[in-house]
Protein backbone atom coordinates (compact mmCIF):
# COMPACT_ATOMS: atom_id res chain seq x y z
CA UNK A 1 32.85 4.66 34.01
CA UNK A 2 33.18 0.83 33.09
CA UNK A 3 30.18 -0.33 30.68
CA UNK A 4 29.15 -3.61 31.84
CA UNK A 5 26.74 -4.82 29.17
CA UNK A 6 26.43 -3.41 25.48
CA UNK A 7 23.68 -4.67 22.83
CA UNK A 8 21.96 -3.66 19.40
CA UNK A 9 17.95 -3.85 19.56
CA UNK A 10 17.24 -4.07 15.90
CA UNK A 11 13.21 -4.15 15.17
CA UNK A 12 11.74 -5.58 11.78
CA UNK A 13 14.46 -6.80 9.32
CA UNK A 14 11.91 -7.84 6.25
CA UNK A 15 14.63 -9.29 4.71
CA UNK A 16 13.57 -9.35 0.51
CA UNK A 17 10.03 -8.01 1.49
CA UNK A 18 9.14 -5.93 -1.71
CA UNK A 19 8.16 -2.24 -1.81
CA UNK A 20 5.03 -0.78 -2.16
CA UNK A 21 3.85 2.12 -3.94
CA UNK A 22 6.67 2.58 -5.94
CA UNK A 23 6.30 2.99 -9.99
CA UNK A 24 9.01 1.57 -12.55
CA UNK A 25 12.67 2.52 -11.36
CA UNK A 26 15.69 2.44 -13.81
CA UNK A 27 17.21 -0.91 -13.73
CA UNK A 28 20.50 -0.24 -11.80
CA UNK A 29 18.23 1.75 -9.00
CA UNK A 30 15.70 -1.31 -9.41
CA UNK A 31 18.28 -3.58 -8.35
CA UNK A 32 19.98 -1.31 -5.30
CA UNK A 33 16.33 -1.50 -4.02
CA UNK A 34 16.13 -5.01 -4.42
CA UNK A 35 19.09 -5.73 -2.03
CA UNK A 36 18.25 -3.11 -0.02
CA UNK A 37 17.11 -4.72 3.11
CA UNK A 38 19.95 -7.26 2.55
CA UNK A 39 22.75 -4.57 2.69
CA UNK A 40 21.08 -2.99 5.51
CA UNK A 41 21.13 -6.38 7.54
CA UNK A 42 24.83 -6.54 6.41
CA UNK A 43 25.33 -3.07 8.25
CA UNK A 44 23.77 -4.34 11.16
CA UNK A 45 26.00 -7.01 11.49
CA UNK A 46 29.05 -4.81 10.92
CA UNK A 47 27.85 -2.52 13.68
CA UNK A 48 27.58 -5.41 16.45
CA UNK A 49 31.16 -6.42 15.30
CA UNK A 50 33.01 -2.78 15.47
CA UNK A 51 30.95 -2.03 18.55
CA UNK A 52 32.11 -5.29 20.34
CA UNK A 53 28.94 -5.72 21.64
CA UNK A 54 27.50 -8.67 24.08
CA UNK A 55 23.77 -9.38 22.24
CA UNK A 56 21.95 -8.60 18.94
CA UNK A 57 18.45 -9.06 19.92
CA UNK A 58 15.85 -8.73 16.99
CA UNK A 59 12.10 -7.91 17.45
CA UNK A 60 9.37 -8.00 14.61
CA UNK A 61 9.14 -9.59 11.21
CA UNK A 62 12.46 -10.75 10.03
CA UNK A 63 11.40 -11.88 6.36
CA UNK A 64 12.98 -14.33 5.63
CA UNK A 65 10.40 -17.08 5.41
CA UNK A 66 9.60 -19.45 2.37
CA UNK A 67 7.24 -16.52 0.80
CA UNK A 68 10.40 -14.68 0.05
CA UNK A 69 12.68 -17.15 -1.26
CA UNK A 70 15.96 -18.92 -0.14
CA UNK A 71 18.03 -15.64 -0.89
CA UNK A 72 17.33 -13.88 2.32
CA UNK A 73 17.23 -17.11 4.48
CA UNK A 74 20.86 -17.99 3.23
CA UNK A 75 21.84 -14.10 3.96
CA UNK A 76 20.30 -14.43 7.30
CA UNK A 77 22.23 -17.65 7.96
CA UNK A 78 25.34 -16.28 7.24
CA UNK A 79 25.07 -12.94 9.28
CA UNK A 80 24.25 -14.60 12.22
CA UNK A 81 26.79 -17.36 12.14
CA UNK A 82 29.38 -14.34 11.93
CA UNK A 83 27.71 -12.68 14.84
CA UNK A 84 28.15 -16.14 16.92
CA UNK A 85 31.61 -17.19 15.51
CA UNK A 86 32.52 -13.62 17.08
CA UNK A 87 30.89 -14.61 20.72
CA UNK A 88 28.08 -11.97 19.99
CA UNK A 89 24.93 -13.68 21.10
CA UNK A 90 21.52 -13.49 19.06
CA UNK A 91 17.89 -13.54 20.24
CA UNK A 92 15.26 -13.58 17.95
CA UNK A 93 12.04 -12.34 19.46
CA UNK A 94 9.52 -13.28 16.93
CA UNK A 95 5.76 -13.50 17.17
CA UNK A 96 5.09 -14.95 14.30
CA UNK A 97 7.93 -16.39 12.37
CA UNK A 98 7.10 -20.00 12.04
CA UNK A 99 9.29 -20.98 9.87
CA UNK A 100 12.05 -20.70 12.14
CA UNK A 101 11.41 -23.66 13.30
CA UNK A 102 12.08 -25.09 10.06
CA UNK A 103 14.77 -23.43 9.10
CA UNK A 104 14.75 -23.43 4.79
CA UNK A 105 18.35 -23.78 4.64
CA UNK A 106 21.58 -26.31 5.95
CA UNK A 107 23.69 -25.87 8.55
CA UNK A 108 21.22 -23.16 10.80
CA UNK A 109 23.14 -21.51 13.47
CA UNK A 110 21.39 -23.50 16.54
CA UNK A 111 23.41 -21.08 18.84
CA UNK A 112 20.85 -18.47 17.74
CA UNK A 113 17.66 -18.29 20.16
CA UNK A 114 14.29 -18.22 18.85
CA UNK A 115 12.00 -16.60 21.59
CA UNK A 116 8.27 -16.95 21.06
CA UNK A 117 5.46 -15.26 23.48
CA UNK A 118 4.81 -17.90 26.58
CA UNK A 119 8.12 -19.58 26.54
CA UNK A 120 10.37 -18.78 29.36
CA UNK A 121 12.88 -16.17 29.67
CA UNK A 122 16.35 -16.85 28.31
CA UNK A 123 19.67 -15.17 30.40
CA UNK A 124 22.28 -13.83 28.40
CA UNK A 125 25.85 -14.91 30.25
CA UNK A 126 29.18 -14.09 29.81
CA UNK A 127 32.42 -15.63 31.63
CA UNK A 128 31.75 -13.03 34.49
CA UNK A 129 28.16 -14.16 35.34
CA UNK A 130 24.53 -13.17 33.72
CA UNK A 131 24.39 -9.94 31.83
CA UNK A 132 20.54 -9.99 31.28
CA UNK A 133 17.13 -11.74 31.07
CA UNK A 134 15.20 -11.26 28.19
CA UNK A 135 11.42 -12.31 28.85
CA UNK A 136 7.95 -11.55 26.89
CA UNK A 137 6.01 -9.24 29.07
CA UNK A 138 2.64 -10.65 30.63
CA UNK A 139 -0.02 -7.94 30.95
CA UNK A 140 1.25 -7.11 34.71
CA UNK A 141 4.76 -8.77 35.72
CA UNK A 142 4.33 -7.01 39.15
CA UNK A 143 7.61 -5.79 40.74
CA UNK A 144 10.70 -7.61 40.75
CA UNK A 145 11.53 -8.30 44.60
CA UNK A 146 15.35 -9.76 43.94
CA UNK A 147 18.05 -7.41 42.67
CA UNK A 148 19.52 -8.95 39.60
CA UNK A 149 21.09 -8.29 35.95
CA UNK A 150 19.20 -5.86 33.48
CA UNK A 151 15.54 -7.08 32.81
CA UNK A 152 14.47 -6.74 29.25
CA UNK A 153 10.70 -7.21 28.77
CA UNK A 154 9.54 -7.91 25.41
CA UNK A 155 6.57 -5.85 24.32
CA UNK A 156 3.95 -7.93 22.05
CA UNK A 157 2.77 -5.64 19.06
CA UNK A 158 -0.76 -5.81 20.62
CA UNK A 159 0.06 -3.99 24.11
CA UNK A 160 -0.38 -0.62 23.43
CA UNK A 161 0.58 0.71 26.93
CA UNK A 162 4.10 0.12 28.71
CA UNK A 163 3.66 -2.82 31.65
CA UNK A 164 4.29 -1.12 35.02
CA UNK A 165 7.11 -2.04 36.75
CA UNK A 166 9.13 -5.41 36.58
CA UNK A 167 11.92 -4.42 33.92
CA UNK A 168 14.36 -2.25 33.19
CA UNK A 169 14.50 -1.69 29.38
CA UNK A 170 11.23 -2.59 26.88
CA UNK A 171 11.73 -3.82 23.52
CA UNK A 172 8.76 -2.65 21.65
CA UNK A 173 7.53 -5.11 18.34
CA UNK A 174 5.50 -4.45 15.46
CA UNK A 175 6.60 -1.12 14.50
CA UNK A 176 8.20 0.16 11.53
CA UNK A 177 9.60 3.88 12.68
CA UNK A 178 12.06 4.69 15.62
CA UNK A 179 10.00 5.57 19.03
CA UNK A 180 10.85 6.10 22.63
CA UNK A 181 7.51 5.83 23.98
CA UNK A 182 8.85 6.15 27.79
CA UNK A 183 11.81 6.54 29.82
CA UNK A 184 10.87 4.80 33.58
CA UNK A 185 11.31 1.87 32.31
CA UNK A 186 13.17 3.07 28.86
CA UNK A 187 10.67 1.75 26.05
CA UNK A 188 12.23 1.29 22.44
CA UNK A 189 10.74 0.40 18.99
CA UNK A 190 13.46 0.61 16.79
CA UNK A 191 11.59 0.61 14.12
CA UNK A 192 12.76 -1.35 10.67
CA UNK A 193 16.19 -1.89 9.32
CA UNK A 194 15.09 -0.68 5.78
CA UNK A 195 12.14 1.85 4.70
CA UNK A 196 9.75 -0.10 1.98
CA UNK A 197 7.78 3.02 0.28
CA UNK A 198 6.43 6.32 1.13
CA UNK A 199 3.82 5.56 3.92
CA UNK A 200 4.28 7.90 6.94
CA UNK A 201 6.22 5.02 9.34
CA UNK A 202 8.41 4.22 6.12
CA UNK A 203 10.14 7.41 5.23
CA UNK A 204 13.10 8.85 6.93
CA UNK A 205 16.25 7.45 8.50
CA UNK A 206 15.99 3.48 9.08
CA UNK A 207 18.02 1.69 11.67
CA UNK A 208 18.53 0.04 15.00
CA UNK A 209 19.61 1.10 18.55
CA UNK A 210 22.34 0.80 20.56
CA UNK A 211 21.98 0.14 24.20
CA UNK A 212 24.74 0.78 26.81
CA UNK A 213 24.34 -0.17 30.49
CA UNK A 214 27.18 0.95 32.71
CA UNK A 215 27.71 -0.65 36.42
CA UNK A 216 25.33 1.18 38.35
CA UNK A 217 22.34 -0.20 35.89
CA UNK A 218 22.31 3.27 34.00
CA UNK A 219 20.93 2.77 30.65
CA UNK A 220 22.22 5.00 27.44
CA UNK A 221 21.10 4.27 24.04
CA UNK A 222 21.74 6.01 20.47
CA UNK A 223 19.68 5.44 17.08
CA UNK A 224 22.26 4.17 14.33
CA UNK A 225 20.85 4.88 10.76
CA UNK A 226 21.34 1.28 8.81
CA UNK A 227 19.32 1.59 5.74
CA UNK A 228 21.03 1.18 2.29
CA UNK A 229 18.08 3.11 0.30
CA UNK A 230 16.25 5.96 2.16
CA UNK A 231 12.59 7.04 0.96
CA UNK A 232 11.67 10.91 1.50
CA UNK A 233 9.25 13.45 0.86
CA UNK A 234 9.85 16.92 -0.30
CA UNK A 235 6.45 18.87 0.30
CA UNK A 236 6.10 22.46 -1.37
CA UNK A 237 3.17 24.67 -0.65
CA UNK A 238 2.24 26.30 -4.42
CA UNK A 239 -0.24 29.40 -4.27
CA UNK A 240 0.72 30.30 -8.13
CA UNK A 241 2.05 27.09 -10.06
CA UNK A 242 3.67 28.81 -12.53
CA UNK A 243 5.62 26.91 -15.20
CA UNK A 244 6.65 23.50 -14.29
CA UNK A 245 10.53 24.57 -14.21
CA UNK A 246 9.59 27.25 -11.66
CA UNK A 247 8.03 24.11 -9.30
CA UNK A 248 11.04 22.00 -10.32
CA UNK A 249 13.76 24.57 -8.97
CA UNK A 250 11.84 24.97 -6.01
CA UNK A 251 11.72 21.57 -5.30
CA UNK A 252 15.47 20.99 -6.11
CA UNK A 253 16.41 23.62 -3.90
CA UNK A 254 14.34 21.67 -1.00
CA UNK A 255 16.28 18.35 -2.31
CA UNK A 256 19.29 19.98 -1.53
CA UNK A 257 18.86 20.90 1.87
CA UNK A 258 17.31 17.13 2.38
CA UNK A 259 20.45 15.44 0.91
CA UNK A 260 22.39 17.36 3.43
CA UNK A 261 20.57 16.07 6.27
CA UNK A 262 20.66 12.65 4.81
CA UNK A 263 24.00 12.89 3.86
CA UNK A 264 25.64 9.98 1.68
CA UNK A 265 22.12 7.91 1.54
CA UNK A 266 20.75 7.15 -1.84
CA UNK A 267 17.08 8.56 -2.01
CA UNK A 268 13.65 7.69 -3.80
CA UNK A 269 11.67 10.87 -3.62
CA UNK A 270 8.30 11.82 -3.77
CA UNK A 271 7.04 15.63 -4.33
CA UNK A 272 3.69 16.57 -2.71
CA UNK A 273 2.61 19.91 -3.63
CA UNK A 274 -0.14 22.05 -1.82
CA UNK A 275 -2.19 24.45 -3.71
CA UNK A 276 -4.19 26.99 -1.68
CA UNK A 277 -5.00 29.28 -4.58
CA UNK A 278 -8.27 29.05 -6.58
CA UNK A 279 -6.63 29.13 -10.17
CA UNK A 280 -6.98 26.31 -12.43
CA UNK A 281 -3.67 24.74 -13.31
CA UNK A 282 -2.52 25.59 -16.90
CA UNK A 283 -2.85 22.53 -19.12
CA UNK A 284 -4.46 20.57 -16.55
CA UNK A 285 -2.75 18.73 -13.89
CA UNK A 286 -1.67 15.38 -15.70
CA UNK A 287 -0.08 17.26 -18.39
CA UNK A 288 1.62 19.53 -15.39
CA UNK A 289 2.74 16.71 -13.47
CA UNK A 290 4.06 14.79 -16.19
CA UNK A 291 6.07 17.42 -17.14
CA UNK A 292 7.38 18.26 -13.91
CA UNK A 293 8.42 14.81 -13.04
CA UNK A 294 10.20 14.67 -16.22
CA UNK A 295 12.55 18.17 -14.98
CA UNK A 296 13.12 16.47 -11.75
CA UNK A 297 14.57 13.27 -12.86
CA UNK A 298 16.49 15.38 -15.52
CA UNK A 299 18.10 17.33 -12.95
CA UNK A 300 19.11 14.16 -10.66
CA UNK A 301 20.05 11.76 -13.30
CA UNK A 302 24.07 11.59 -12.43
CA UNK A 303 23.75 12.38 -8.90
CA UNK A 304 25.58 9.94 -6.85
CA UNK A 305 24.60 8.40 -4.15
CA UNK A 306 21.61 8.30 -6.44
CA UNK A 307 18.17 10.59 -6.24
CA UNK A 308 15.60 9.17 -8.13
CA UNK A 309 11.80 11.47 -8.33
CA UNK A 310 9.36 8.33 -7.99
CA UNK A 311 6.47 10.71 -8.48
CA UNK A 312 4.47 13.99 -7.83
CA UNK A 313 1.12 14.13 -6.28
CA UNK A 314 -1.46 17.32 -5.71
CA UNK A 315 -2.43 16.87 -2.18
CA UNK A 316 -4.71 19.76 -1.45
CA UNK A 317 -6.41 22.06 -3.83
CA UNK A 318 -8.87 24.65 -3.99
CA UNK A 319 -10.62 25.01 -7.43
CA UNK A 320 -13.55 27.42 -8.91
CA UNK A 321 -15.25 24.41 -10.44
CA UNK A 322 -16.53 23.00 -7.33
CA UNK A 323 -16.95 25.71 -4.30
CA UNK A 324 -17.56 23.33 -1.50
CA UNK A 325 -14.55 21.21 -2.05
CA UNK A 326 -11.60 22.10 -0.04
CA UNK A 327 -9.59 19.01 -0.65
CA UNK A 328 -8.94 17.85 -4.18
CA UNK A 329 -6.90 15.03 -4.68
CA UNK A 330 -5.11 14.10 -8.53
CA UNK A 331 -8.05 11.83 -9.62
CA UNK A 332 -10.88 14.25 -8.43
CA UNK A 333 -9.17 17.30 -9.74
CA UNK A 334 -8.66 15.60 -13.19
CA UNK A 335 -12.24 14.62 -13.33
CA UNK A 336 -13.39 18.21 -12.51
CA UNK A 337 -11.39 19.58 -15.14
CA UNK A 338 -12.69 17.35 -17.69
CA UNK A 339 -16.25 17.78 -16.63
CA UNK A 340 -15.94 21.71 -16.96
CA UNK A 341 -14.62 21.16 -20.50
CA UNK A 342 -17.63 18.33 -21.34
CA UNK A 343 -20.41 20.60 -19.63
CA UNK A 344 -19.18 23.76 -21.91
CA UNK A 345 -19.30 21.60 -25.10
CA UNK A 346 -21.99 19.48 -25.75
CA UNK A 347 -21.03 17.96 -28.99
CA UNK A 348 -17.67 16.74 -27.64
CA UNK A 349 -19.88 15.33 -24.63
CA UNK A 350 -21.78 13.43 -27.01
CA UNK A 351 -18.84 11.97 -28.66
CA UNK A 352 -17.41 10.81 -25.84
CA UNK A 353 -20.44 8.98 -24.45
CA UNK A 354 -20.70 7.58 -27.74
CA UNK A 355 -17.52 6.50 -28.58
CA UNK A 356 -16.63 4.92 -24.65
CA UNK A 357 -14.21 7.98 -24.31
CA UNK A 358 -15.28 8.92 -20.85
CA UNK A 359 -14.77 5.47 -19.73
CA UNK A 360 -11.31 5.40 -20.94
CA UNK A 361 -10.48 8.79 -19.78
CA UNK A 362 -11.96 8.27 -16.17
CA UNK A 363 -9.71 4.95 -16.58
CA UNK A 364 -6.62 6.95 -16.92
CA UNK A 365 -6.99 9.23 -14.38
CA UNK A 366 -7.38 6.61 -11.88
CA UNK A 367 -4.49 5.01 -12.66
CA UNK A 368 -2.56 7.70 -13.25
CA UNK A 369 -4.25 10.01 -10.08
CA UNK A 370 -3.46 10.04 -6.32
CA UNK A 371 -6.30 7.76 -5.76
CA UNK A 372 -4.90 4.81 -7.10
CA UNK A 373 -1.13 5.31 -4.95
CA UNK A 374 -4.01 5.97 -1.92
CA UNK A 375 -5.61 2.62 -2.68
CA UNK A 376 -2.12 0.54 -2.93
CA UNK A 377 -1.38 2.08 0.56
CA UNK A 378 -4.53 0.85 2.10
CA UNK A 379 -4.46 -2.18 4.41
CA UNK A 380 -7.51 -3.51 2.08
CA UNK A 381 -9.38 -2.55 -0.81
CA UNK A 382 -13.04 -2.33 -0.14
CA UNK A 383 -14.26 -4.66 -3.29
CA UNK A 384 -16.19 -2.82 -5.90
CA UNK A 385 -14.27 0.65 -5.27
CA UNK A 386 -12.98 0.89 -8.71
CA UNK A 387 -16.89 0.89 -9.73
CA UNK A 388 -17.91 3.11 -6.90
CA UNK A 389 -15.34 5.71 -8.11
CA UNK A 390 -16.63 5.79 -11.81
CA UNK A 391 -19.80 6.00 -11.03
CA UNK A 392 -18.83 9.27 -8.49
CA UNK A 393 -17.10 10.70 -11.56
CA UNK A 394 -19.68 9.93 -13.89
CA UNK A 395 -22.24 11.48 -11.51
CA UNK A 396 -19.78 14.87 -11.00
CA UNK A 397 -19.63 15.00 -14.59
CA UNK A 398 -23.72 14.89 -15.40
CA UNK A 399 -24.32 17.36 -12.45
CA UNK A 400 -21.77 19.89 -14.23
CA UNK A 401 -22.92 19.21 -17.33
CA UNK A 402 -26.47 20.25 -16.36
CA UNK A 403 -27.99 16.58 -17.36
CA UNK A 404 -29.72 14.63 -14.27
CA UNK A 405 -29.20 11.06 -14.17
CA UNK A 406 -31.82 8.68 -14.89
CA UNK A 407 -33.11 10.32 -18.41
CA UNK A 408 -33.84 7.37 -20.82
CA UNK A 409 -31.74 9.43 -23.61
CA UNK A 410 -28.37 9.53 -21.35
CA UNK A 411 -25.97 7.47 -23.83
CA UNK A 412 -23.87 6.67 -20.68
CA UNK A 413 -26.26 5.29 -17.85
CA UNK A 414 -25.34 3.53 -14.80
CA UNK A 415 -27.88 0.61 -15.61
CA UNK A 416 -26.29 -0.33 -19.11
CA UNK A 417 -22.66 1.22 -18.44
CA UNK A 418 -20.74 2.03 -21.48
CA UNK A 419 -23.69 1.07 -23.88
CA UNK A 420 -25.58 2.78 -26.37
CA UNK A 421 -29.36 2.98 -25.40
CA UNK A 422 -31.42 0.92 -27.77
């Protein structure tokens, strides 16, 4: 059947927006990751040219504003110009990219249409007539009484549900993962072109949606991966941790399967371990984690496309040190192991407190533990959270050591933090 209209729906470009929650990287990998969003945009342009689409529709954050420097703006301008020169129409449906009213670079392609909420709908025309109409969805557009071209509705990020009637295709903004939330009308979030970290909506394949409409109005869509670097998580249940080398072998086996699934992609990987046993980790968690990470990185250092193990985290662990805890992360596990050692050795405990070694140890555990990663990933950090974490850790150590908080001979007291009592 003859196709009458084809377009690409891309979500958040986020050009040159930095990644989050990723540790130090080798220079070569850091350079590839820094350019990944630009390469993903280049792939979007090449896809549009190869498929000879009529339209490229972009919804969501573009990221080429002044906060990210001129490089991304120049790259965006050049890519849009290529599309327009090949007769491909471009609509940038944006809710808050105000810099588009004042382009950062000269020779901005004015043929690209910027469509904001509240502005009237625009037509996508061809020599044979109008192909589609694109407009922002009101809360209830009502049914359309006149037959016409494909009606594309732009769903603002604030609208959770699907407006009834009036549209044939709903382009949802504001999400970072590919989601088809309804079929009548078809409601699609293409996600983002390039992942930026290990949060749930950032991992896995990222790309755009290729939409085809035939002469009877039937709509087909295909997700096309376009990301240059992909974030993935390898999960493993470890009932008997054993040696780091044994765990590394199990993780590497799972990585092989993931590499087949993500064939041709460079991967940045996190290992997420679950332990349902009640045994202590031999040598302590920080040492085990560091040894494991070294083994994993050494095993993949020559792979192409590259694979980089970024971090290993222990998500859930039961421990005999605290019978009531059924979820213990890296930081808490480290505190409890330290508390157990100090509770068994009063002399060492006194030395820790007198020399402020306890504060340094807590700082190290906080930096290295999963709690730091969780705080980085949160939308905002509660003021004073670091102090609350330290006080909770001190209370745990005091309780396990059998020394109630508040005694005047306590060398490490909340009211006189880190100082010897006078």
